[in-house]
Amino acid sequence: MSFGQTFKALSDPVRREILTLLKQGKLSAGEIGSHFDMTGATISYHLSILKKADLVYESKYKNYVYYELNTSVVEELMVWLSDLKGGTQE
């Protein structure tokens, strides 16, 4: 995982909203797109950035592509941020 790609992916509010949607479980590209007022190509672009950052998994079933949150990358990022902060909060 590249933190640079991860932070780039997280820098956009649309991509953060997509990740929030995927917290509920896997969704097709069309289901994700239905939450936004933008073209399918634009949604595809955002999903490709999230895939490059390993923040989402892609799986295909019949004629549909489904996306799912990759929690291991999120956990790795959280550990790094926690280590960066240092100490314990009481």
PDB file of N, CA and C in Angstrom:
ATOM      1  N   MET A   1       0.849  -1.187   0.000  1.00  0.00           N
ATOM      2  CA  MET A   1       0.000   0.000   0.000  1.00  0.00           C
ATOM      3  C   MET A   1       0.884   1.236   0.000  1.00  0.00           C
ATOM      4  N   SER A   2       0.511   2.197  -0.799  1.00  0.00           N
ATOM      5  CA  SER A   2       1.201   3.479  -0.844  1.00  0.00           C
ATOM      6  C   SER A   2       0.347   4.508  -0.113  1.00  0.00           C
ATOM      7  N   PHE A   3       0.912   5.081   0.942  1.00  0.00           N
ATOM      8  CA  PHE A   3       0.156   6.097   1.674  1.00  0.00           C
ATOM      9  C   PHE A   3      -0.176   7.282   0.774  1.00  0.00           C
ATOM     10  N   GLY A   4       0.700   7.586  -0.185  1.00  0.00           N
ATOM     11  CA  GLY A   4       0.432   8.690  -1.108  1.00  0.00           C
ATOM     12  C   GLY A   4      -0.851   8.465  -1.889  1.00  0.00           C
ATOM     13  N   GLN A   5      -1.012   7.258  -2.428  1.00  0.00           N
ATOM     14  CA  GLN A   5      -2.232   6.941  -3.166  1.00  0.00           C
ATOM     15  C   GLN A   5      -3.440   6.918  -2.238  1.00  0.00           C
ATOM     16  N   THR A   6      -3.237   6.430  -1.029  1.00  0.00           N
ATOM     17  CA  THR A   6      -4.338   6.377  -0.066  1.00  0.00           C
ATOM     18  C   THR A   6      -4.817   7.777   0.280  1.00  0.00           C
ATOM     19  N   PHE A   7      -3.879   8.663   0.596  1.00  0.00           N
ATOM     20  CA  PHE A   7      -4.276  10.026   0.951  1.00  0.00           C
ATOM     21  C   PHE A   7      -4.875  10.772  -0.231  1.00  0.00           C
ATOM     22  N   LYS A   8      -4.366  10.504  -1.440  1.00  0.00           N
ATOM     23  CA  LYS A   8      -4.962  11.118  -2.635  1.00  0.00           C
ATOM     24  C   LYS A   8      -6.408  10.666  -2.772  1.00  0.00           C
ATOM     25  N   ALA A   9      -6.633   9.363  -2.589  1.00  0.00           N
ATOM     26  CA  ALA A   9      -7.994   8.830  -2.705  1.00  0.00           C
ATOM     27  C   ALA A   9      -8.915   9.428  -1.651  1.00  0.00           C
ATOM     28  N   LEU A  10      -8.403   9.586  -0.441  1.00  0.00           N
ATOM     29  CA  LEU A  10      -9.223  10.109   0.652  1.00  0.00           C
ATOM     30  C   LEU A  10      -9.418  11.621   0.587  1.00  0.00           C
ATOM     31  N   SER A  11      -8.668  12.294  -0.266  1.00  0.00           N
ATOM     32  CA  SER A  11      -8.748  13.759  -0.323  1.00  0.00           C
ATOM     33  C   SER A  11     -10.026  14.270  -0.984  1.00  0.00           C
ATOM     34  N   ASP A  12     -10.720  13.409  -1.688  1.00  0.00           N
ATOM     35  CA  ASP A  12     -11.923  13.841  -2.412  1.00  0.00           C
ATOM     36  C   ASP A  12     -13.184  13.455  -1.641  1.00  0.00           C
ATOM     37  N   PRO A  13     -14.102  14.411  -1.447  1.00  0.00           N
ATOM     38  CA  PRO A  13     -15.316  14.109  -0.677  1.00  0.00           C
ATOM     39  C   PRO A  13     -16.217  13.057  -1.324  1.00  0.00           C
ATOM     40  N   VAL A  14     -16.233  12.973  -2.640  1.00  0.00           N
ATOM     41  CA  VAL A  14     -17.048  11.953  -3.313  1.00  0.00           C
ATOM     42  C   VAL A  14     -16.508  10.562  -2.978  1.00  0.00           C
ATOM     43  N   ARG A  15     -15.184  10.408  -3.028  1.00  0.00           N
ATOM     44  CA  ARG A  15     -14.594   9.114  -2.715  1.00  0.00           C
ATOM     45  C   ARG A  15     -14.799   8.748  -1.252  1.00  0.00           C
ATOM     46  N   ARG A  16     -14.740   9.723  -0.372  1.00  0.00           N
ATOM     47  CA  ARG A  16     -15.018   9.441   1.045  1.00  0.00           C
ATOM     48  C   ARG A  16     -16.469   8.998   1.217  1.00  0.00           C
ATOM     49  N   GLU A  17     -17.384   9.596   0.477  1.00  0.00           N
ATOM     50  CA  GLU A  17     -18.794   9.206   0.548  1.00  0.00           C
ATOM     51  C   GLU A  17     -18.997   7.790  -0.001  1.00  0.00           C
ATOM     52  N   ILE A  18     -18.276   7.446  -1.057  1.00  0.00           N
ATOM     53  CA  ILE A  18     -18.353   6.091  -1.592  1.00  0.00           C
ATOM     54  C   ILE A  18     -17.899   5.087  -0.533  1.00  0.00           C
ATOM     55  N   LEU A  19     -16.815   5.386   0.159  1.00  0.00           N
ATOM     56  CA  LEU A  19     -16.338   4.494   1.217  1.00  0.00           C
ATOM     57  C   LEU A  19     -17.375   4.372   2.332  1.00  0.00           C
ATOM     58  N   THR A  20     -18.037   5.465   2.657  1.00  0.00           N
ATOM     59  CA  THR A  20     -19.083   5.434   3.681  1.00  0.00           C
ATOM     60  C   THR A  20     -20.233   4.534   3.236  1.00  0.00           C
ATOM     61  N   LEU A  21     -20.609   4.615   1.973  1.00  0.00           N
ATOM     62  CA  LEU A  21     -21.665   3.752   1.446  1.00  0.00           C
ATOM     63  C   LEU A  21     -21.267   2.276   1.537  1.00  0.00           C
ATOM     64  N   LEU A  22     -20.000   1.995   1.275  1.00  0.00           N
ATOM     65  CA  LEU A  22     -19.536   0.613   1.261  1.00  0.00           C
ATOM     66  C   LEU A  22     -19.381   0.028   2.662  1.00  0.00           C
ATOM     67  N   LYS A  23     -19.485   0.845   3.687  1.00  0.00           N
ATOM     68  CA  LYS A  23     -19.466   0.319   5.061  1.00  0.00           C
ATOM     69  C   LYS A  23     -20.624  -0.645   5.278  1.00  0.00           C
ATOM     70  N   GLN A  24     -21.722  -0.432   4.569  1.00  0.00           N
ATOM     71  CA  GLN A  24     -22.919  -1.264   4.730  1.00  0.00           C
ATOM     72  C   GLN A  24     -22.791  -2.611   4.027  1.00  0.00           C
ATOM     73  N   GLY A  25     -21.816  -2.746   3.131  1.00  0.00           N
ATOM     74  CA  GLY A  25     -21.638  -3.988   2.386  1.00  0.00           C
ATOM     75  C   GLY A  25     -21.358  -3.693   0.926  1.00  0.00           C
ATOM     76  N   LYS A  26     -21.159  -4.750   0.156  1.00  0.00           N
ATOM     77  CA  LYS A  26     -20.788  -4.556  -1.251  1.00  0.00           C
ATOM     78  C   LYS A  26     -21.951  -3.987  -2.052  1.00  0.00           C
ATOM     79  N   LEU A  27     -21.591  -3.159  -3.019  1.00  0.00           N
ATOM     80  CA  LEU A  27     -22.559  -2.510  -3.904  1.00  0.00           C
ATOM     81  C   LEU A  27     -22.060  -2.578  -5.336  1.00  0.00           C
ATOM     82  N   SER A  28     -22.992  -2.605  -6.271  1.00  0.00           N
ATOM     83  CA  SER A  28     -22.613  -2.541  -7.684  1.00  0.00           C
ATOM     84  C   SER A  28     -22.266  -1.101  -8.035  1.00  0.00           C
ATOM     85  N   ALA A  29     -21.582  -0.942  -9.143  1.00  0.00           N
ATOM     86  CA  ALA A  29     -21.239   0.407  -9.601  1.00  0.00           C
ATOM     87  C   ALA A  29     -22.506   1.233  -9.811  1.00  0.00           C
ATOM     88  N   GLY A  30     -23.550   0.618 -10.347  1.00  0.00           N
ATOM     89  CA  GLY A  30     -24.813   1.325 -10.565  1.00  0.00           C
ATOM     90  C   GLY A  30     -25.461   1.762  -9.267  1.00  0.00           C
ATOM     91  N   GLU A  31     -25.404   0.895  -8.256  1.00  0.00           N
ATOM     92  CA  GLU A  31     -25.966   1.258  -6.950  1.00  0.00           C
ATOM     93  C   GLU A  31     -25.200   2.414  -6.328  1.00  0.00           C
ATOM     94  N   ILE A  32     -23.894   2.399  -6.472  1.00  0.00           N
ATOM     95  CA  ILE A  32     -23.078   3.515  -5.968  1.00  0.00           C
ATOM     96  C   ILE A  32     -23.434   4.784  -6.728  1.00  0.00           C
ATOM     97  N   GLY A  33     -23.496   4.678  -8.045  1.00  0.00           N
ATOM     98  CA  GLY A  33     -23.795   5.843  -8.876  1.00  0.00           C
ATOM     99  C   GLY A  33     -25.147   6.462  -8.592  1.00  0.00           C
ATOM    100  N   SER A  34     -26.119   5.655  -8.141  1.00  0.00           N
ATOM    101  CA  SER A  34     -27.457   6.187  -7.876  1.00  0.00           C
ATOM    102  C   SER A  34     -27.487   7.181  -6.716  1.00  0.00           C
ATOM    103  N   HIS A  35     -26.430   7.222  -5.933  1.00  0.00           N
ATOM    104  CA  HIS A  35     -26.346   8.145  -4.792  1.00  0.00           C
ATOM    105  C   HIS A  35     -25.759   9.506  -5.180  1.00  0.00           C
ATOM    106  N   PHE A  36     -25.344   9.639  -6.430  1.00  0.00           N
ATOM    107  CA  PHE A  36     -24.658  10.861  -6.861  1.00  0.00           C
ATOM    108  C   PHE A  36     -25.285  11.403  -8.141  1.00  0.00           C
ATOM    109  N   ASP A  37     -25.163  12.695  -8.320  1.00  0.00           N
ATOM    110  CA  ASP A  37     -25.636  13.348  -9.536  1.00  0.00           C
ATOM    111  C   ASP A  37     -24.441  13.568 -10.460  1.00  0.00           C
ATOM    112  N   MET A  38     -23.929  12.469 -11.010  1.00  0.00           N
ATOM    113  CA  MET A  38     -22.793  12.539 -11.929  1.00  0.00           C
ATOM    114  C   MET A  38     -22.857  11.360 -12.882  1.00  0.00           C
ATOM    115  N   THR A  39     -22.075  11.434 -13.942  1.00  0.00           N
ATOM    116  CA  THR A  39     -22.106  10.397 -14.965  1.00  0.00           C
ATOM    117  C   THR A  39     -21.487   9.095 -14.463  1.00  0.00           C
ATOM    118  N   GLY A  40     -21.824   8.020 -15.131  1.00  0.00           N
ATOM    119  CA  GLY A  40     -21.220   6.734 -14.818  1.00  0.00           C
ATOM    120  C   GLY A  40     -19.713   6.747 -15.007  1.00  0.00           C
ATOM    121  N   ALA A  41     -19.252   7.490 -16.005  1.00  0.00           N
ATOM    122  CA  ALA A  41     -17.808   7.591 -16.252  1.00  0.00           C
ATOM    123  C   ALA A  41     -17.096   8.261 -15.076  1.00  0.00           C
ATOM    124  N   THR A  42     -17.737   9.265 -14.495  1.00  0.00           N
ATOM    125  CA  THR A  42     -17.138   9.955 -13.351  1.00  0.00           C
ATOM    126  C   THR A  42     -17.092   9.038 -12.135  1.00  0.00           C
ATOM    127  N   ILE A  43     -18.159   8.281 -11.916  1.00  0.00           N
ATOM    128  CA  ILE A  43     -18.178   7.312 -10.816  1.00  0.00           C
ATOM    129  C   ILE A  43     -17.086   6.271 -11.043  1.00  0.00           C
ATOM    130  N   SER A  44     -16.950   5.803 -12.272  1.00  0.00           N
ATOM    131  CA  SER A  44     -15.920   4.831 -12.616  1.00  0.00           C
ATOM    132  C   SER A  44     -14.523   5.371 -12.317  1.00  0.00           C
ATOM    133  N   TYR A  45     -14.303   6.645 -12.630  1.00  0.00           N
ATOM    134  CA  TYR A  45     -13.017   7.287 -12.339  1.00  0.00           C
ATOM    135  C   TYR A  45     -12.740   7.260 -10.839  1.00  0.00           C
ATOM    136  N   HIS A  46     -13.718   7.648 -10.041  1.00  0.00           N
ATOM    137  CA  HIS A  46     -13.530   7.654  -8.582  1.00  0.00           C
ATOM    138  C   HIS A  46     -13.273   6.246  -8.054  1.00  0.00           C
ATOM    139  N   LEU A  47     -13.986   5.262  -8.580  1.00  0.00           N
ATOM    140  CA  LEU A  47     -13.783   3.882  -8.154  1.00  0.00           C
ATOM    141  C   LEU A  47     -12.392   3.382  -8.536  1.00  0.00           C
ATOM    142  N   SER A  48     -11.893   3.799  -9.685  1.00  0.00           N
ATOM    143  CA  SER A  48     -10.543   3.366 -10.087  1.00  0.00           C
ATOM    144  C   SER A  48      -9.477   3.956  -9.168  1.00  0.00           C
ATOM    145  N   ILE A  49      -9.667   5.193  -8.717  1.00  0.00           N
ATOM    146  CA  ILE A  49      -8.723   5.798  -7.762  1.00  0.00           C
ATOM    147  C   ILE A  49      -8.764   5.017  -6.451  1.00  0.00           C
ATOM    148  N   LEU A  50      -9.952   4.656  -5.993  1.00  0.00           N
ATOM    149  CA  LEU A  50     -10.086   3.886  -4.754  1.00  0.00           C
ATOM    150  C   LEU A  50      -9.464   2.498  -4.899  1.00  0.00           C
ATOM    151  N   LYS A  51      -9.601   1.886  -6.080  1.00  0.00           N
ATOM    152  CA  LYS A  51      -8.986   0.575  -6.317  1.00  0.00           C
ATOM    153  C   LYS A  51      -7.461   0.677  -6.313  1.00  0.00           C
ATOM    154  N   LYS A  52      -6.919   1.709  -6.967  1.00  0.00           N
ATOM    155  CA  LYS A  52      -5.462   1.892  -7.009  1.00  0.00           C
ATOM    156  C   LYS A  52      -4.892   2.064  -5.608  1.00  0.00           C
ATOM    157  N   ALA A  53      -5.664   2.669  -4.724  1.00  0.00           N
ATOM    158  CA  ALA A  53      -5.231   2.873  -3.342  1.00  0.00           C
ATOM    159  C   ALA A  53      -5.531   1.648  -2.476  1.00  0.00           C
ATOM    160  N   ASP A  54      -6.068   0.602  -3.073  1.00  0.00           N
ATOM    161  CA  ASP A  54      -6.447  -0.631  -2.364  1.00  0.00           C
ATOM    162  C   ASP A  54      -7.477  -0.399  -1.265  1.00  0.00           C
ATOM    163  N   LEU A  55      -8.267   0.639  -1.405  1.00  0.00           N
ATOM    164  CA  LEU A  55      -9.311   0.912  -0.415  1.00  0.00           C
ATOM    165  C   LEU A  55     -10.589   0.132  -0.702  1.00  0.00           C
ATOM    166  N   VAL A  56     -10.734  -0.345  -1.933  1.00  0.00           N
ATOM    167  CA  VAL A  56     -11.897  -1.165  -2.288  1.00  0.00           C
ATOM    168  C   VAL A  56     -11.444  -2.384  -3.096  1.00  0.00           C
ATOM    169  N   TYR A  57     -12.219  -3.452  -2.969  1.00  0.00           N
ATOM    170  CA  TYR A  57     -12.067  -4.651  -3.786  1.00  0.00           C
ATOM    171  C   TYR A  57     -13.109  -4.597  -4.886  1.00  0.00           C
ATOM    172  N   GLU A  58     -12.785  -5.210  -5.995  1.00  0.00           N
ATOM    173  CA  GLU A  58     -13.729  -5.330  -7.099  1.00  0.00           C
ATOM    174  C   GLU A  58     -13.968  -6.812  -7.368  1.00  0.00           C
ATOM    175  N   SER A  59     -15.235  -7.183  -7.532  1.00  0.00           N
ATOM    176  CA  SER A  59     -15.556  -8.562  -7.919  1.00  0.00           C
ATOM    177  C   SER A  59     -16.654  -8.512  -8.976  1.00  0.00           C
ATOM    178  N   LYS A  60     -16.636  -9.500  -9.849  1.00  0.00           N
ATOM    179  CA  LYS A  60     -17.614  -9.538 -10.939  1.00  0.00           C
ATOM    180  C   LYS A  60     -18.537 -10.722 -10.742  1.00  0.00           C
ATOM    181  N   TYR A  61     -19.810 -10.479 -10.964  1.00  0.00           N
ATOM    182  CA  TYR A  61     -20.806 -11.530 -10.914  1.00  0.00           C
ATOM    183  C   TYR A  61     -21.800 -11.284 -12.033  1.00  0.00           C
ATOM    184  N   LYS A  62     -21.859 -12.223 -12.971  1.00  0.00           N
ATOM    185  CA  LYS A  62     -22.687 -12.096 -14.173  1.00  0.00           C
ATOM    186  C   LYS A  62     -22.330 -10.811 -14.896  1.00  0.00           C
ATOM    187  N   ASN A  63     -23.275  -9.898 -15.077  1.00  0.00           N
ATOM    188  CA  ASN A  63     -23.002  -8.648 -15.808  1.00  0.00           C
ATOM    189  C   ASN A  63     -22.706  -7.477 -14.896  1.00  0.00           C
ATOM    190  N   TYR A  64     -22.456  -7.725 -13.628  1.00  0.00           N
ATOM    191  CA  TYR A  64     -22.290  -6.646 -12.666  1.00  0.00           C
ATOM    192  C   TYR A  64     -20.895  -6.662 -12.043  1.00  0.00           C
ATOM    193  N   VAL A  65     -20.416  -5.481 -11.725  1.00  0.00           N
ATOM    194  CA  VAL A  65     -19.168  -5.328 -10.983  1.00  0.00           C
ATOM    195  C   VAL A  65     -19.547  -4.801  -9.610  1.00  0.00           C
ATOM    196  N   TYR A  66     -19.094  -5.492  -8.587  1.00  0.00           N
ATOM    197  CA  TYR A  66     -19.392  -5.098  -7.210  1.00  0.00           C
ATOM    198  C   TYR A  66     -18.130  -4.582  -6.529  1.00  0.00           C
ATOM    199  N   TYR A  67     -18.334  -3.635  -5.639  1.00  0.00           N
ATOM    200  CA  TYR A  67     -17.233  -3.041  -4.890  1.00  0.00           C
ATOM    201  C   TYR A  67     -17.475  -3.254  -3.408  1.00  0.00           C
ATOM    202  N   GLU A  68     -16.363  -3.462  -2.700  1.00  0.00           N
ATOM    203  CA  GLU A  68     -16.431  -3.761  -1.280  1.00  0.00           C
ATOM    204  C   GLU A  68     -15.266  -3.067  -0.582  1.00  0.00           C
ATOM    205  N   LEU A  69     -15.507  -2.581   0.609  1.00  0.00           N
ATOM    206  CA  LEU A  69     -14.489  -1.882   1.392  1.00  0.00           C
ATOM    207  C   LEU A  69     -13.376  -2.842   1.788  1.00  0.00           C
ATOM    208  N   ASN A  70     -12.133  -2.415   1.612  1.00  0.00           N
ATOM    209  CA  ASN A  70     -10.972  -3.199   2.040  1.00  0.00           C
ATOM    210  C   ASN A  70     -10.565  -2.692   3.420  1.00  0.00           C
ATOM    211  N   THR A  71     -11.066  -3.347   4.444  1.00  0.00           N
ATOM    212  CA  THR A  71     -10.836  -2.866   5.808  1.00  0.00           C
ATOM    213  C   THR A  71      -9.399  -3.039   6.268  1.00  0.00           C
ATOM    214  N   SER A  72      -8.641  -3.947   5.663  1.00  0.00           N
ATOM    215  CA  SER A  72      -7.255  -4.129   6.100  1.00  0.00           C
ATOM    216  C   SER A  72      -6.414  -2.884   5.820  1.00  0.00           C
ATOM    217  N   VAL A  73      -6.652  -2.219   4.706  1.00  0.00           N
ATOM    218  CA  VAL A  73      -5.916  -0.982   4.402  1.00  0.00           C
ATOM    219  C   VAL A  73      -6.343   0.120   5.357  1.00  0.00           C
ATOM    220  N   VAL A  74      -7.628   0.180   5.645  1.00  0.00           N
ATOM    221  CA  VAL A  74      -8.134   1.188   6.592  1.00  0.00           C
ATOM    222  C   VAL A  74      -7.501   0.954   7.962  1.00  0.00           C
ATOM    223  N   GLU A  75      -7.426  -0.299   8.393  1.00  0.00           N
ATOM    224  CA  GLU A  75      -6.818  -0.618   9.688  1.00  0.00           C
ATOM    225  C   GLU A  75      -5.340  -0.259   9.713  1.00  0.00           C
ATOM    226  N   GLU A  76      -4.620  -0.549   8.623  1.00  0.00           N
ATOM    227  CA  GLU A  76      -3.199  -0.209   8.541  1.00  0.00           C
ATOM    228  C   GLU A  76      -2.993   1.300   8.643  1.00  0.00           C
ATOM    229  N   LEU A  77      -3.846   2.052   7.982  1.00  0.00           N
ATOM    230  CA  LEU A  77      -3.774   3.501   8.045  1.00  0.00           C
ATOM    231  C   LEU A  77      -4.053   4.005   9.463  1.00  0.00           C
ATOM    232  N   MET A  78      -5.046   3.397  10.124  1.00  0.00           N
ATOM    233  CA  MET A  78      -5.391   3.796  11.492  1.00  0.00           C
ATOM    234  C   MET A  78      -4.226   3.514  12.455  1.00  0.00           C
ATOM    235  N   VAL A  79      -3.572   2.374  12.282  1.00  0.00           N
ATOM    236  CA  VAL A  79      -2.421   2.040  13.129  1.00  0.00           C
ATOM    237  C   VAL A  79      -1.304   3.056  12.910  1.00  0.00           C
ATOM    238  N   TRP A  80      -1.041   3.376  11.660  1.00  0.00           N
ATOM    239  CA  TRP A  80       0.015   4.346  11.358  1.00  0.00           C
ATOM    240  C   TRP A  80      -0.299   5.707  11.978  1.00  0.00           C
ATOM    241  N   LEU A  81      -1.541   6.165  11.833  1.00  0.00           N
ATOM    242  CA  LEU A  81      -1.934   7.450  12.409  1.00  0.00           C
ATOM    243  C   LEU A  81      -1.851   7.429  13.933  1.00  0.00           C
ATOM    244  N   SER A  82      -2.229   6.320  14.536  1.00  0.00           N
ATOM    245  CA  SER A  82      -2.143   6.188  15.981  1.00  0.00           C
ATOM    246  C   SER A  82      -0.695   6.229  16.434  1.00  0.00           C
ATOM    247  N   ASP A  83       0.196   5.535  15.727  1.00  0.00           N
ATOM    248  CA  ASP A  83       1.621   5.566  16.059  1.00  0.00           C
ATOM    249  C   ASP A  83       2.189   6.966  15.882  1.00  0.00           C
ATOM    250  N   LEU A  84       1.743   7.665  14.860  1.00  0.00           N
ATOM    251  CA  LEU A  84       2.201   9.022  14.606  1.00  0.00           C
ATOM    252  C   LEU A  84       1.824   9.952  15.749  1.00  0.00           C
ATOM    253  N   LYS A  85       0.618   9.764  16.261  1.00  0.00           N
ATOM    254  CA  LYS A  85       0.148  10.577  17.369  1.00  0.00           C
ATOM    255  C   LYS A  85       0.971  10.304  18.622  1.00  0.00           C
ATOM    256  N   GLY A  86       1.267   9.037  18.867  1.00  0.00           N
ATOM    257  CA  GLY A  86       2.075   8.643  20.017  1.00  0.00           C
ATOM    258  C   GLY A  86       1.323   8.758  21.321  1.00  0.00           C
ATOM    259  N   GLY A  87       1.827   8.086  22.334  1.00  0.00           N
ATOM    260  CA  GLY A  87       1.219   8.148  23.662  1.00  0.00           C
ATOM    261  C   GLY A  87      -0.147   7.526  23.698  1.00  0.00           C
ATOM    262  N   THR A  88      -0.755   7.590  24.860  1.00  0.00           N
ATOM    263  CA  THR A  88      -2.123   7.095  25.021  1.00  0.00           C
ATOM    264  C   THR A  88      -2.984   8.220  25.530  1.00  0.00           C
ATOM    265  N   GLN A  89      -4.220   8.167  25.154  1.00  0.00           N
ATOM    266  CA  GLN A  89      -5.149   9.200  25.577  1.00  0.00           C
ATOM    267  C   GLN A  89      -5.923   8.711  26.781  1.00  0.00           C
ATOM    268  N   GLU A  90      -5.924   9.490  27.864  1.00  0.00           N
ATOM    269  CA  GLU A  90      -6.616   9.098  29.083  1.00  0.00           C
ATOM    270  C   GLU A  90      -7.643  10.134  29.481  1.00  0.00           C
TER     271      GLU A  90
END
